[in-house]
Amino acid sequence: MAKSNYGIVGAFNGTVGPVVGYDWKGRNCMRGRVAPSNPRTERQQRGRSVFGATAHLWGLMRRAAEIGLRGEARAEGVEEINLFVRYNRQCISVEGAEVRIDYARLRLAEGNLAGVQFAAPARVGERSVEVGFSQLAERAGSMDDYVLLFAYAAGLEEGQLSQPVERRASQVEIPLPSHWSGQQVQLYGFAWDGDCEASPSVFIGTLV
């Protein structure tokens, strides 16, 4: 509904039919309101589906991504979810009811902190995984930083975040729930300063 400030022939704010009245830099202006001819094209619907799938994945990986993207989000003045969707929507495709995710390309963390080199994961019994790591030769980081692992069971849509270990420890272990037995598990790792800075996340591999 439009509101007129100067009578029937004066300026107005709001919508009257196809006309929108508004103020711009102290001036009374009008513009036409044009509805899109087809707001539900195949391309638009596919884009909405990808966005929805990416936002859903954020909810499943949130515990790791909030830590890993915190510094970048603060620097840009946005929420962590905005960065997660921006970085990862190109890793997701939707065809009908089928959602495909390129897990090797997902980014759970980003920043200028020095990362680490992760070794191949090793099973420790039936309910735990251990990963060794070392400093990157070209960019050493502070030994007071931490290293985190994040495990994701896609078939169950569940994630598990490890306890942080100091970079000097050279290995990090993550327990896996017993009901994950037989599930494919995607494993990621990144360094963290304990506050808001992180290194880019690394896809360590898939456990079966």
N, C-alpha and C. Protein backbone atom coordinates (compact mmCIF):
# COMPACT_ATOMS: atom_id res chain seq x y z
N MET A 1 0.84 -1.19 0.00
CA MET A 1 0.00 0.00 0.00
C MET A 1 0.88 1.24 0.00
N ALA A 2 0.54 2.20 -0.84
CA ALA A 2 1.30 3.44 -0.90
C ALA A 2 0.79 4.45 0.11
N LYS A 3 1.68 5.34 0.54
CA LYS A 3 1.32 6.40 1.47
C LYS A 3 1.65 7.73 0.82
N SER A 4 0.65 8.61 0.67
CA SER A 4 0.86 9.91 0.05
C SER A 4 1.07 10.96 1.12
N ASN A 5 2.10 11.79 0.93
CA ASN A 5 2.40 12.85 1.90
C ASN A 5 1.89 14.21 1.47
N TYR A 6 1.48 14.34 0.20
CA TYR A 6 1.13 15.68 -0.32
C TYR A 6 -0.20 15.68 -1.08
N GLY A 7 -1.10 14.81 -0.70
CA GLY A 7 -2.39 14.81 -1.36
C GLY A 7 -2.42 13.91 -2.58
N ILE A 8 -3.55 13.97 -3.27
CA ILE A 8 -3.76 13.01 -4.34
C ILE A 8 -2.82 13.21 -5.53
N VAL A 9 -2.33 14.44 -5.73
CA VAL A 9 -1.43 14.68 -6.88
C VAL A 9 0.02 14.81 -6.43
N GLY A 10 0.31 14.56 -5.18
CA GLY A 10 1.66 14.73 -4.67
C GLY A 10 2.48 13.46 -4.70
N ALA A 11 3.66 13.54 -4.08
CA ALA A 11 4.57 12.40 -4.04
C ALA A 11 4.00 11.31 -3.11
N PHE A 12 4.45 10.10 -3.33
CA PHE A 12 3.99 9.00 -2.48
C PHE A 12 5.11 8.00 -2.31
N ASN A 13 5.02 7.21 -1.24
CA ASN A 13 5.95 6.11 -0.98
C ASN A 13 5.16 4.81 -0.99
N GLY A 14 5.65 3.82 -1.71
CA GLY A 14 4.97 2.54 -1.77
C GLY A 14 4.61 2.19 -3.20
N THR A 15 3.67 1.27 -3.35
CA THR A 15 3.32 0.74 -4.66
C THR A 15 1.88 1.08 -5.01
N VAL A 16 1.69 1.61 -6.19
CA VAL A 16 0.36 1.85 -6.75
C VAL A 16 0.34 1.18 -8.13
N GLY A 17 -0.34 0.04 -8.22
CA GLY A 17 -0.35 -0.69 -9.48
C GLY A 17 1.07 -1.06 -9.89
N PRO A 18 1.45 -0.68 -11.13
CA PRO A 18 2.80 -1.01 -11.60
C PRO A 18 3.85 0.04 -11.26
N VAL A 19 3.49 1.03 -10.40
CA VAL A 19 4.41 2.13 -10.09
C VAL A 19 4.83 2.08 -8.63
N VAL A 20 6.13 2.29 -8.39
CA VAL A 20 6.68 2.32 -7.03
C VAL A 20 7.21 3.72 -6.75
N GLY A 21 6.71 4.34 -5.68
CA GLY A 21 7.23 5.64 -5.27
C GLY A 21 8.22 5.48 -4.13
N TYR A 22 9.31 6.28 -4.17
CA TYR A 22 10.35 6.14 -3.14
C TYR A 22 11.14 7.44 -3.05
N ASP A 23 11.88 7.59 -1.94
CA ASP A 23 12.75 8.74 -1.74
C ASP A 23 14.19 8.35 -2.07
N TRP A 24 14.90 9.22 -2.79
CA TRP A 24 16.31 8.96 -3.10
C TRP A 24 17.08 10.27 -2.98
N LYS A 25 17.94 10.34 -1.98
CA LYS A 25 18.74 11.53 -1.72
C LYS A 25 17.87 12.78 -1.59
N GLY A 26 16.73 12.61 -0.88
CA GLY A 26 15.86 13.74 -0.63
C GLY A 26 14.92 14.08 -1.76
N ARG A 27 14.94 13.31 -2.83
CA ARG A 27 14.08 13.58 -3.98
C ARG A 27 12.99 12.52 -4.06
N ASN A 28 11.81 12.93 -4.49
CA ASN A 28 10.71 12.00 -4.67
C ASN A 28 10.80 11.38 -6.06
N CYS A 29 10.91 10.06 -6.12
CA CYS A 29 11.10 9.38 -7.40
C CYS A 29 10.07 8.28 -7.58
N MET A 30 9.90 7.87 -8.82
CA MET A 30 9.02 6.76 -9.16
C MET A 30 9.72 5.86 -10.14
N ARG A 31 9.39 4.57 -10.09
CA ARG A 31 9.90 3.62 -11.07
C ARG A 31 8.83 2.56 -11.32
N GLY A 32 8.95 1.93 -12.47
CA GLY A 32 8.02 0.87 -12.82
C GLY A 32 8.38 -0.41 -12.10
N ARG A 33 7.37 -1.17 -11.73
CA ARG A 33 7.58 -2.47 -11.10
C ARG A 33 7.27 -3.55 -12.13
N VAL A 34 8.30 -4.32 -12.47
CA VAL A 34 8.15 -5.34 -13.51
C VAL A 34 8.32 -6.71 -12.87
N ALA A 35 7.32 -7.55 -12.99
CA ALA A 35 7.40 -8.92 -12.49
C ALA A 35 8.11 -9.77 -13.53
N PRO A 36 9.00 -10.65 -13.13
CA PRO A 36 9.67 -11.52 -14.10
C PRO A 36 8.65 -12.39 -14.82
N SER A 37 8.89 -12.59 -16.13
CA SER A 37 7.94 -13.35 -16.93
C SER A 37 7.86 -14.81 -16.50
N ASN A 38 8.98 -15.34 -16.01
CA ASN A 38 8.99 -16.73 -15.55
C ASN A 38 9.94 -16.86 -14.38
N PRO A 39 9.45 -16.61 -13.15
CA PRO A 39 10.35 -16.64 -11.99
C PRO A 39 10.75 -18.04 -11.56
N ARG A 40 10.27 -19.08 -12.25
CA ARG A 40 10.58 -20.45 -11.87
C ARG A 40 11.14 -21.23 -13.07
N THR A 41 12.11 -20.64 -13.74
CA THR A 41 12.75 -21.32 -14.85
C THR A 41 13.54 -22.52 -14.32
N GLU A 42 13.90 -23.42 -15.23
CA GLU A 42 14.68 -24.60 -14.83
C GLU A 42 16.00 -24.19 -14.19
N ARG A 43 16.64 -23.18 -14.76
CA ARG A 43 17.92 -22.72 -14.21
C ARG A 43 17.76 -22.14 -12.82
N GLN A 44 16.70 -21.36 -12.62
CA GLN A 44 16.46 -20.76 -11.31
C GLN A 44 16.16 -21.84 -10.27
N GLN A 45 15.35 -22.81 -10.65
CA GLN A 45 15.01 -23.87 -9.70
C GLN A 45 16.23 -24.72 -9.37
N ARG A 46 17.10 -24.96 -10.35
CA ARG A 46 18.32 -25.71 -10.08
C ARG A 46 19.22 -24.94 -9.12
N GLY A 47 19.31 -23.62 -9.34
CA GLY A 47 20.12 -22.80 -8.44
C GLY A 47 19.59 -22.82 -7.02
N ARG A 48 18.26 -22.76 -6.88
CA ARG A 48 17.68 -22.82 -5.54
C ARG A 48 17.93 -24.17 -4.89
N SER A 49 17.87 -25.23 -5.69
CA SER A 49 18.11 -26.57 -5.15
C SER A 49 19.54 -26.71 -4.66
N VAL A 50 20.50 -26.19 -5.43
CA VAL A 50 21.90 -26.26 -5.04
C VAL A 50 22.13 -25.44 -3.78
N PHE A 51 21.55 -24.25 -3.73
CA PHE A 51 21.68 -23.42 -2.53
C PHE A 51 21.12 -24.13 -1.32
N GLY A 52 19.94 -24.73 -1.47
CA GLY A 52 19.33 -25.44 -0.34
C GLY A 52 20.16 -26.62 0.12
N ALA A 53 20.73 -27.37 -0.85
CA ALA A 53 21.56 -28.52 -0.49
C ALA A 53 22.84 -28.07 0.21
N THR A 54 23.40 -26.95 -0.23
CA THR A 54 24.62 -26.44 0.40
C THR A 54 24.33 -25.94 1.81
N ALA A 55 23.22 -25.25 1.99
CA ALA A 55 22.83 -24.79 3.32
C ALA A 55 22.55 -25.97 4.25
N HIS A 56 21.97 -27.03 3.71
CA HIS A 56 21.73 -28.23 4.52
C HIS A 56 23.05 -28.86 4.95
N LEU A 57 24.02 -28.91 4.02
CA LEU A 57 25.33 -29.47 4.35
C LEU A 57 26.02 -28.62 5.42
N TRP A 58 25.85 -27.31 5.36
CA TRP A 58 26.39 -26.44 6.40
C TRP A 58 25.90 -26.87 7.78
N GLY A 59 24.62 -27.17 7.88
CA GLY A 59 24.09 -27.60 9.16
C GLY A 59 24.73 -28.86 9.68
N LEU A 60 25.15 -29.74 8.77
CA LEU A 60 25.76 -31.01 9.16
C LEU A 60 27.24 -30.85 9.49
N MET A 61 27.89 -29.86 8.90
CA MET A 61 29.33 -29.65 9.10
C MET A 61 29.62 -28.40 9.91
N ARG A 62 28.60 -27.86 10.53
CA ARG A 62 28.69 -26.56 11.19
C ARG A 62 29.75 -26.51 12.29
N ARG A 63 29.88 -27.58 13.08
CA ARG A 63 30.81 -27.56 14.22
C ARG A 63 32.23 -27.26 13.76
N ALA A 64 32.62 -27.82 12.62
CA ALA A 64 33.96 -27.57 12.11
C ALA A 64 34.03 -26.26 11.35
N ALA A 65 33.03 -26.00 10.50
CA ALA A 65 33.06 -24.83 9.63
C ALA A 65 32.98 -23.51 10.40
N GLU A 66 32.26 -23.48 11.51
CA GLU A 66 32.19 -22.25 12.30
C GLU A 66 33.57 -21.88 12.84
N ILE A 67 34.35 -22.88 13.23
CA ILE A 67 35.71 -22.61 13.70
C ILE A 67 36.61 -22.26 12.53
N GLY A 68 36.54 -23.06 11.47
CA GLY A 68 37.45 -22.89 10.35
C GLY A 68 37.22 -21.64 9.53
N LEU A 69 36.01 -21.09 9.53
CA LEU A 69 35.70 -19.92 8.71
C LEU A 69 35.49 -18.65 9.53
N ARG A 70 35.69 -18.74 10.84
CA ARG A 70 35.40 -17.62 11.73
C ARG A 70 36.20 -16.37 11.38
N GLY A 71 37.51 -16.53 11.19
CA GLY A 71 38.35 -15.37 10.91
C GLY A 71 38.01 -14.69 9.60
N GLU A 72 37.81 -15.48 8.54
CA GLU A 72 37.45 -14.92 7.24
C GLU A 72 36.09 -14.24 7.30
N ALA A 73 35.16 -14.82 8.05
CA ALA A 73 33.84 -14.22 8.17
C ALA A 73 33.90 -12.87 8.88
N ARG A 74 34.68 -12.81 9.95
CA ARG A 74 34.83 -11.53 10.66
C ARG A 74 35.47 -10.48 9.77
N ALA A 75 36.47 -10.89 9.00
CA ALA A 75 37.16 -9.94 8.14
C ALA A 75 36.23 -9.36 7.07
N GLU A 76 35.28 -10.16 6.60
CA GLU A 76 34.36 -9.70 5.57
C GLU A 76 33.07 -9.13 6.14
N GLY A 77 32.87 -9.31 7.45
CA GLY A 77 31.65 -8.81 8.08
C GLY A 77 30.41 -9.60 7.70
N VAL A 78 30.58 -10.92 7.52
CA VAL A 78 29.45 -11.78 7.16
C VAL A 78 29.39 -12.95 8.14
N GLU A 79 28.34 -13.75 8.03
CA GLU A 79 28.23 -14.95 8.84
C GLU A 79 29.00 -16.09 8.19
N GLU A 80 29.43 -17.04 9.01
CA GLU A 80 30.19 -18.19 8.49
C GLU A 80 29.42 -18.96 7.43
N ILE A 81 28.10 -19.05 7.59
CA ILE A 81 27.30 -19.78 6.62
C ILE A 81 27.39 -19.17 5.23
N ASN A 82 27.51 -17.84 5.15
CA ASN A 82 27.62 -17.18 3.86
C ASN A 82 28.87 -17.63 3.12
N LEU A 83 29.99 -17.71 3.84
CA LEU A 83 31.23 -18.16 3.22
C LEU A 83 31.14 -19.63 2.83
N PHE A 84 30.56 -20.44 3.70
CA PHE A 84 30.45 -21.87 3.42
C PHE A 84 29.68 -22.10 2.12
N VAL A 85 28.56 -21.40 1.97
CA VAL A 85 27.75 -21.55 0.76
C VAL A 85 28.52 -21.03 -0.45
N ARG A 86 29.17 -19.89 -0.32
CA ARG A 86 29.92 -19.32 -1.44
C ARG A 86 31.04 -20.25 -1.89
N TYR A 87 31.79 -20.80 -0.92
CA TYR A 87 32.92 -21.66 -1.27
C TYR A 87 32.50 -23.01 -1.84
N ASN A 88 31.36 -23.52 -1.37
CA ASN A 88 31.05 -24.94 -1.63
C ASN A 88 29.89 -25.22 -2.56
N ARG A 89 29.15 -24.21 -2.97
CA ARG A 89 28.01 -24.50 -3.83
C ARG A 89 28.45 -25.08 -5.17
N GLN A 90 29.67 -24.74 -5.63
CA GLN A 90 30.15 -25.29 -6.89
C GLN A 90 30.56 -26.76 -6.76
N CYS A 91 30.62 -27.27 -5.53
CA CYS A 91 30.96 -28.68 -5.30
C CYS A 91 29.71 -29.57 -5.26
N ILE A 92 28.54 -28.96 -5.44
CA ILE A 92 27.28 -29.69 -5.28
C ILE A 92 26.46 -29.57 -6.55
N SER A 93 25.90 -30.67 -6.99
CA SER A 93 24.97 -30.67 -8.12
C SER A 93 23.70 -31.41 -7.71
N VAL A 94 22.58 -30.98 -8.27
CA VAL A 94 21.30 -31.58 -7.95
C VAL A 94 20.60 -31.95 -9.25
N GLU A 95 20.23 -33.20 -9.37
CA GLU A 95 19.46 -33.69 -10.51
C GLU A 95 18.22 -34.40 -9.97
N GLY A 96 17.09 -33.74 -10.07
CA GLY A 96 15.88 -34.28 -9.48
C GLY A 96 16.01 -34.38 -7.98
N ALA A 97 15.85 -35.58 -7.44
CA ALA A 97 15.98 -35.78 -6.00
C ALA A 97 17.39 -36.20 -5.61
N GLU A 98 18.29 -36.34 -6.59
CA GLU A 98 19.65 -36.81 -6.31
C GLU A 98 20.60 -35.63 -6.10
N VAL A 99 21.29 -35.66 -4.97
CA VAL A 99 22.29 -34.64 -4.65
C VAL A 99 23.68 -35.27 -4.71
N ARG A 100 24.55 -34.70 -5.51
CA ARG A 100 25.91 -35.19 -5.63
C ARG A 100 26.88 -34.16 -5.05
N ILE A 101 27.80 -34.65 -4.23
CA ILE A 101 28.76 -33.76 -3.55
C ILE A 101 30.18 -34.22 -3.84
N ASP A 102 31.00 -33.29 -4.29
CA ASP A 102 32.42 -33.58 -4.51
C ASP A 102 33.13 -33.31 -3.18
N TYR A 103 33.22 -34.33 -2.34
CA TYR A 103 33.75 -34.14 -0.99
C TYR A 103 35.21 -33.71 -0.99
N ALA A 104 35.97 -34.11 -1.99
CA ALA A 104 37.39 -33.77 -2.02
C ALA A 104 37.62 -32.27 -2.21
N ARG A 105 36.63 -31.55 -2.72
CA ARG A 105 36.79 -30.12 -3.00
C ARG A 105 36.16 -29.24 -1.93
N LEU A 106 35.45 -29.81 -0.99
CA LEU A 106 34.79 -28.99 0.03
C LEU A 106 35.81 -28.22 0.86
N ARG A 107 35.43 -27.01 1.25
CA ARG A 107 36.29 -26.17 2.09
C ARG A 107 35.58 -25.92 3.41
N LEU A 108 36.16 -26.46 4.48
CA LEU A 108 35.60 -26.27 5.81
C LEU A 108 36.32 -25.18 6.58
N ALA A 109 37.51 -24.83 6.12
CA ALA A 109 38.30 -23.80 6.80
C ALA A 109 39.08 -23.01 5.77
N GLU A 110 39.34 -21.76 6.09
CA GLU A 110 40.09 -20.89 5.20
C GLU A 110 40.76 -19.81 6.03
N GLY A 111 41.95 -19.41 5.63
CA GLY A 111 42.65 -18.36 6.36
C GLY A 111 44.13 -18.35 6.06
N ASN A 112 44.85 -17.49 6.76
CA ASN A 112 46.27 -17.28 6.51
C ASN A 112 47.18 -18.06 7.46
N LEU A 113 46.58 -18.83 8.37
CA LEU A 113 47.41 -19.59 9.29
C LEU A 113 48.16 -20.69 8.53
N ALA A 114 49.39 -20.94 8.93
CA ALA A 114 50.19 -21.99 8.30
C ALA A 114 49.53 -23.34 8.53
N GLY A 115 49.40 -24.12 7.48
CA GLY A 115 48.80 -25.44 7.60
C GLY A 115 49.83 -26.49 7.97
N VAL A 116 49.41 -27.74 7.90
CA VAL A 116 50.30 -28.87 8.17
C VAL A 116 50.14 -29.90 7.06
N GLN A 117 51.11 -30.78 6.98
CA GLN A 117 51.06 -31.88 6.02
C GLN A 117 50.51 -33.11 6.72
N PHE A 118 49.38 -33.62 6.25
CA PHE A 118 48.75 -34.77 6.89
C PHE A 118 49.20 -36.07 6.24
N ALA A 119 49.45 -37.08 7.08
CA ALA A 119 49.77 -38.41 6.59
C ALA A 119 48.48 -39.18 6.35
N ALA A 120 48.61 -40.38 5.82
CA ALA A 120 47.43 -41.22 5.59
C ALA A 120 46.81 -41.62 6.92
N PRO A 121 45.49 -41.62 7.01
CA PRO A 121 44.83 -42.00 8.28
C PRO A 121 45.02 -43.48 8.58
N ALA A 122 45.05 -43.80 9.87
CA ALA A 122 45.22 -45.19 10.30
C ALA A 122 44.16 -45.51 11.34
N ARG A 123 43.54 -46.67 11.23
CA ARG A 123 42.56 -47.11 12.20
C ARG A 123 43.24 -47.48 13.51
N VAL A 124 42.63 -47.07 14.61
CA VAL A 124 43.09 -47.47 15.94
C VAL A 124 41.93 -48.25 16.56
N GLY A 125 41.97 -49.56 16.46
CA GLY A 125 40.84 -50.37 16.88
C GLY A 125 39.68 -50.17 15.93
N GLU A 126 38.46 -50.32 16.43
CA GLU A 126 37.28 -50.20 15.58
C GLU A 126 36.61 -48.83 15.67
N ARG A 127 36.97 -48.04 16.68
CA ARG A 127 36.21 -46.81 16.92
C ARG A 127 37.06 -45.55 16.94
N SER A 128 38.23 -45.59 16.37
CA SER A 128 39.08 -44.41 16.39
C SER A 128 39.99 -44.38 15.17
N VAL A 129 40.34 -43.16 14.76
CA VAL A 129 41.25 -42.96 13.63
C VAL A 129 42.35 -42.01 14.08
N GLU A 130 43.56 -42.31 13.68
CA GLU A 130 44.71 -41.48 14.02
C GLU A 130 45.37 -40.98 12.74
N VAL A 131 45.76 -39.71 12.76
CA VAL A 131 46.42 -39.11 11.60
C VAL A 131 47.67 -38.38 12.05
N GLY A 132 48.79 -38.73 11.47
CA GLY A 132 50.03 -38.01 11.75
C GLY A 132 50.11 -36.75 10.90
N PHE A 133 50.87 -35.78 11.37
CA PHE A 133 51.05 -34.54 10.59
C PHE A 133 52.41 -33.93 10.89
N SER A 134 52.86 -33.10 9.98
CA SER A 134 54.16 -32.43 10.12
C SER A 134 54.05 -31.02 9.56
N GLN A 135 55.03 -30.21 9.89
CA GLN A 135 55.05 -28.84 9.39
C GLN A 135 55.25 -28.82 7.88
N LEU A 136 54.61 -27.88 7.21
CA LEU A 136 54.89 -27.67 5.80
C LEU A 136 56.27 -27.03 5.68
N ALA A 137 57.11 -27.60 4.86
CA ALA A 137 58.50 -27.15 4.78
C ALA A 137 58.62 -25.67 4.43
N GLU A 138 57.74 -25.19 3.54
CA GLU A 138 57.89 -23.82 3.07
C GLU A 138 57.24 -22.79 3.99
N ARG A 139 56.50 -23.26 5.01
CA ARG A 139 55.80 -22.29 5.85
C ARG A 139 55.55 -22.87 7.22
N ALA A 140 56.47 -22.69 8.13
CA ALA A 140 56.34 -23.22 9.48
C ALA A 140 55.35 -22.37 10.28
N GLY A 141 54.58 -23.02 11.12
CA GLY A 141 53.63 -22.32 11.97
C GLY A 141 54.04 -22.38 13.43
N SER A 142 53.32 -21.65 14.26
CA SER A 142 53.60 -21.63 15.68
C SER A 142 53.27 -22.98 16.30
N MET A 143 54.13 -23.45 17.18
CA MET A 143 53.89 -24.71 17.87
C MET A 143 52.76 -24.60 18.89
N ASP A 144 52.30 -23.37 19.15
CA ASP A 144 51.19 -23.17 20.07
C ASP A 144 49.84 -23.26 19.37
N ASP A 145 49.86 -23.38 18.04
CA ASP A 145 48.62 -23.58 17.30
C ASP A 145 48.07 -24.98 17.57
N TYR A 146 46.87 -25.20 17.10
CA TYR A 146 46.22 -26.50 17.27
C TYR A 146 45.91 -27.13 15.91
N VAL A 147 45.67 -28.41 15.94
CA VAL A 147 45.25 -29.14 14.74
C VAL A 147 43.95 -29.87 15.06
N LEU A 148 43.01 -29.80 14.13
CA LEU A 148 41.70 -30.42 14.30
C LEU A 148 41.41 -31.37 13.14
N LEU A 149 40.67 -32.42 13.43
CA LEU A 149 40.13 -33.30 12.41
C LEU A 149 38.61 -33.22 12.43
N PHE A 150 38.01 -33.38 11.26
CA PHE A 150 36.56 -33.48 11.18
C PHE A 150 36.22 -34.67 10.32
N ALA A 151 35.41 -35.58 10.86
CA ALA A 151 34.98 -36.78 10.14
C ALA A 151 33.50 -36.64 9.82
N TYR A 152 33.14 -37.03 8.60
CA TYR A 152 31.76 -36.90 8.17
C TYR A 152 31.28 -38.19 7.53
N ALA A 153 30.22 -38.77 8.08
CA ALA A 153 29.61 -39.98 7.54
C ALA A 153 28.42 -39.55 6.69
N ALA A 154 28.62 -39.53 5.37
CA ALA A 154 27.59 -39.01 4.47
C ALA A 154 26.32 -39.84 4.52
N GLY A 155 26.46 -41.15 4.62
CA GLY A 155 25.29 -42.02 4.62
C GLY A 155 24.38 -41.79 5.80
N LEU A 156 24.94 -41.29 6.89
CA LEU A 156 24.16 -41.02 8.10
C LEU A 156 23.89 -39.53 8.30
N GLU A 157 24.56 -38.71 7.48
CA GLU A 157 24.50 -37.26 7.63
C GLU A 157 24.88 -36.84 9.04
N GLU A 158 26.03 -37.36 9.50
CA GLU A 158 26.53 -37.03 10.83
C GLU A 158 28.01 -36.65 10.75
N GLY A 159 28.40 -35.71 11.59
CA GLY A 159 29.79 -35.27 11.64
C GLY A 159 30.35 -35.41 13.04
N GLN A 160 31.67 -35.52 13.11
CA GLN A 160 32.37 -35.65 14.40
C GLN A 160 33.62 -34.78 14.36
N LEU A 161 33.78 -33.92 15.36
CA LEU A 161 34.94 -33.05 15.45
C LEU A 161 35.87 -33.54 16.53
N SER A 162 37.16 -33.60 16.23
CA SER A 162 38.14 -34.06 17.22
C SER A 162 38.40 -32.99 18.27
N GLN A 163 39.01 -33.39 19.36
CA GLN A 163 39.54 -32.42 20.30
C GLN A 163 40.80 -31.79 19.69
N PRO A 164 41.04 -30.50 19.91
CA PRO A 164 42.25 -29.89 19.36
C PRO A 164 43.51 -30.41 20.05
N VAL A 165 44.55 -30.64 19.26
CA VAL A 165 45.86 -31.01 19.82
C VAL A 165 46.87 -29.97 19.35
N GLU A 166 47.87 -29.73 20.16
CA GLU A 166 48.88 -28.75 19.77
C GLU A 166 49.65 -29.22 18.55
N ARG A 167 50.09 -28.26 17.77
CA ARG A 167 50.83 -28.56 16.55
C ARG A 167 52.08 -29.37 16.86
N ARG A 168 52.66 -29.18 18.02
CA ARG A 168 53.88 -29.89 18.39
C ARG A 168 53.63 -31.39 18.62
N ALA A 169 52.36 -31.79 18.73
CA ALA A 169 52.05 -33.18 19.07
C ALA A 169 52.37 -34.14 17.93
N SER A 170 52.28 -33.71 16.70
CA SER A 170 52.61 -34.48 15.49
C SER A 170 51.59 -35.56 15.14
N GLN A 171 50.54 -35.73 15.92
CA GLN A 171 49.47 -36.65 15.54
C GLN A 171 48.19 -36.27 16.27
N VAL A 172 47.07 -36.58 15.63
CA VAL A 172 45.77 -36.26 16.22
C VAL A 172 44.86 -37.46 16.02
N GLU A 173 44.04 -37.72 17.03
CA GLU A 173 43.16 -38.88 17.00
C GLU A 173 41.71 -38.41 17.12
N ILE A 174 40.82 -39.10 16.42
CA ILE A 174 39.41 -38.77 16.49
C ILE A 174 38.61 -40.04 16.72
N PRO A 175 37.78 -40.07 17.76
CA PRO A 175 36.92 -41.24 17.99
C PRO A 175 35.73 -41.22 17.04
N LEU A 176 35.30 -42.40 16.61
CA LEU A 176 34.14 -42.51 15.73
C LEU A 176 33.03 -43.27 16.45
N PRO A 177 31.80 -42.83 16.33
CA PRO A 177 30.68 -43.53 16.99
C PRO A 177 30.59 -44.98 16.52
N SER A 178 30.15 -45.85 17.38
CA SER A 178 30.08 -47.27 17.05
C SER A 178 29.11 -47.54 15.90
N HIS A 179 28.05 -46.75 15.79
CA HIS A 179 27.07 -47.01 14.72
C HIS A 179 27.56 -46.53 13.36
N TRP A 180 28.78 -45.96 13.30
CA TRP A 180 29.38 -45.61 12.02
C TRP A 180 30.05 -46.81 11.35
N SER A 181 30.08 -47.91 12.01
CA SER A 181 30.73 -49.10 11.47
C SER A 181 30.15 -49.45 10.10
N GLY A 182 31.04 -49.63 9.11
CA GLY A 182 30.62 -49.97 7.76
C GLY A 182 30.29 -48.77 6.90
N GLN A 183 30.33 -47.56 7.46
CA GLN A 183 30.03 -46.35 6.70
C GLN A 183 31.28 -45.77 6.05
N GLN A 184 31.10 -45.14 4.88
CA GLN A 184 32.18 -44.36 4.30
C GLN A 184 32.30 -43.05 5.09
N VAL A 185 33.53 -42.72 5.44
CA VAL A 185 33.77 -41.53 6.25
C VAL A 185 34.75 -40.61 5.53
N GLN A 186 34.34 -39.36 5.33
CA GLN A 186 35.21 -38.35 4.73
C GLN A 186 35.97 -37.65 5.86
N LEU A 187 37.27 -37.48 5.67
CA LEU A 187 38.11 -36.94 6.74
C LEU A 187 38.80 -35.66 6.28
N TYR A 188 38.72 -34.63 7.13
CA TYR A 188 39.31 -33.32 6.84
C TYR A 188 40.17 -32.88 8.03
N GLY A 189 41.12 -32.00 7.75
CA GLY A 189 41.95 -31.48 8.83
C GLY A 189 42.38 -30.04 8.55
N PHE A 190 42.63 -29.29 9.60
CA PHE A 190 43.14 -27.92 9.45
C PHE A 190 43.77 -27.47 10.76
N ALA A 191 44.59 -26.44 10.67
CA ALA A 191 45.21 -25.85 11.85
C ALA A 191 44.36 -24.68 12.33
N TRP A 192 44.46 -24.38 13.62
CA TRP A 192 43.63 -23.35 14.26
C TRP A 192 44.42 -22.72 15.39
N ASP A 193 44.30 -21.41 15.54
CA ASP A 193 45.08 -20.71 16.57
C ASP A 193 44.38 -20.66 17.92
N GLY A 194 43.23 -21.29 18.05
CA GLY A 194 42.49 -21.29 19.30
C GLY A 194 41.54 -20.13 19.43
N ASP A 195 41.52 -19.23 18.45
CA ASP A 195 40.64 -18.07 18.49
C ASP A 195 39.84 -17.99 17.20
N CYS A 196 40.36 -17.25 16.22
CA CYS A 196 39.58 -17.09 14.99
C CYS A 196 40.37 -17.33 13.72
N GLU A 197 41.67 -17.55 13.80
CA GLU A 197 42.45 -17.77 12.60
C GLU A 197 42.61 -19.26 12.32
N ALA A 198 42.56 -19.63 11.05
CA ALA A 198 42.69 -21.03 10.66
C ALA A 198 43.50 -21.13 9.38
N SER A 199 43.91 -22.33 9.07
CA SER A 199 44.57 -22.60 7.79
C SER A 199 43.52 -23.16 6.83
N PRO A 200 43.78 -23.16 5.55
CA PRO A 200 42.84 -23.81 4.62
C PRO A 200 42.70 -25.28 4.99
N SER A 201 41.48 -25.77 4.92
CA SER A 201 41.25 -27.18 5.26
C SER A 201 41.82 -28.09 4.19
N VAL A 202 42.14 -29.31 4.60
CA VAL A 202 42.71 -30.33 3.69
C VAL A 202 41.81 -31.55 3.71
N PHE A 203 41.48 -32.06 2.54
CA PHE A 203 40.75 -33.32 2.47
C PHE A 203 41.77 -34.44 2.60
N ILE A 204 41.70 -35.18 3.69
CA ILE A 204 42.71 -36.20 3.99
C ILE A 204 42.40 -37.50 3.26
N GLY A 205 41.12 -37.83 3.10
CA GLY A 205 40.76 -39.02 2.37
C GLY A 205 39.46 -39.63 2.86
N THR A 206 39.11 -40.75 2.26
CA THR A 206 37.87 -41.47 2.60
C THR A 206 38.20 -42.78 3.30
N LEU A 207 37.58 -42.99 4.43
CA LEU A 207 37.73 -44.24 5.18
C LEU A 207 36.53 -45.13 4.87
N VAL A 208 36.77 -46.41 4.73
CA VAL A 208 35.69 -47.36 4.48
C VAL A 208 35.58 -48.33 5.65
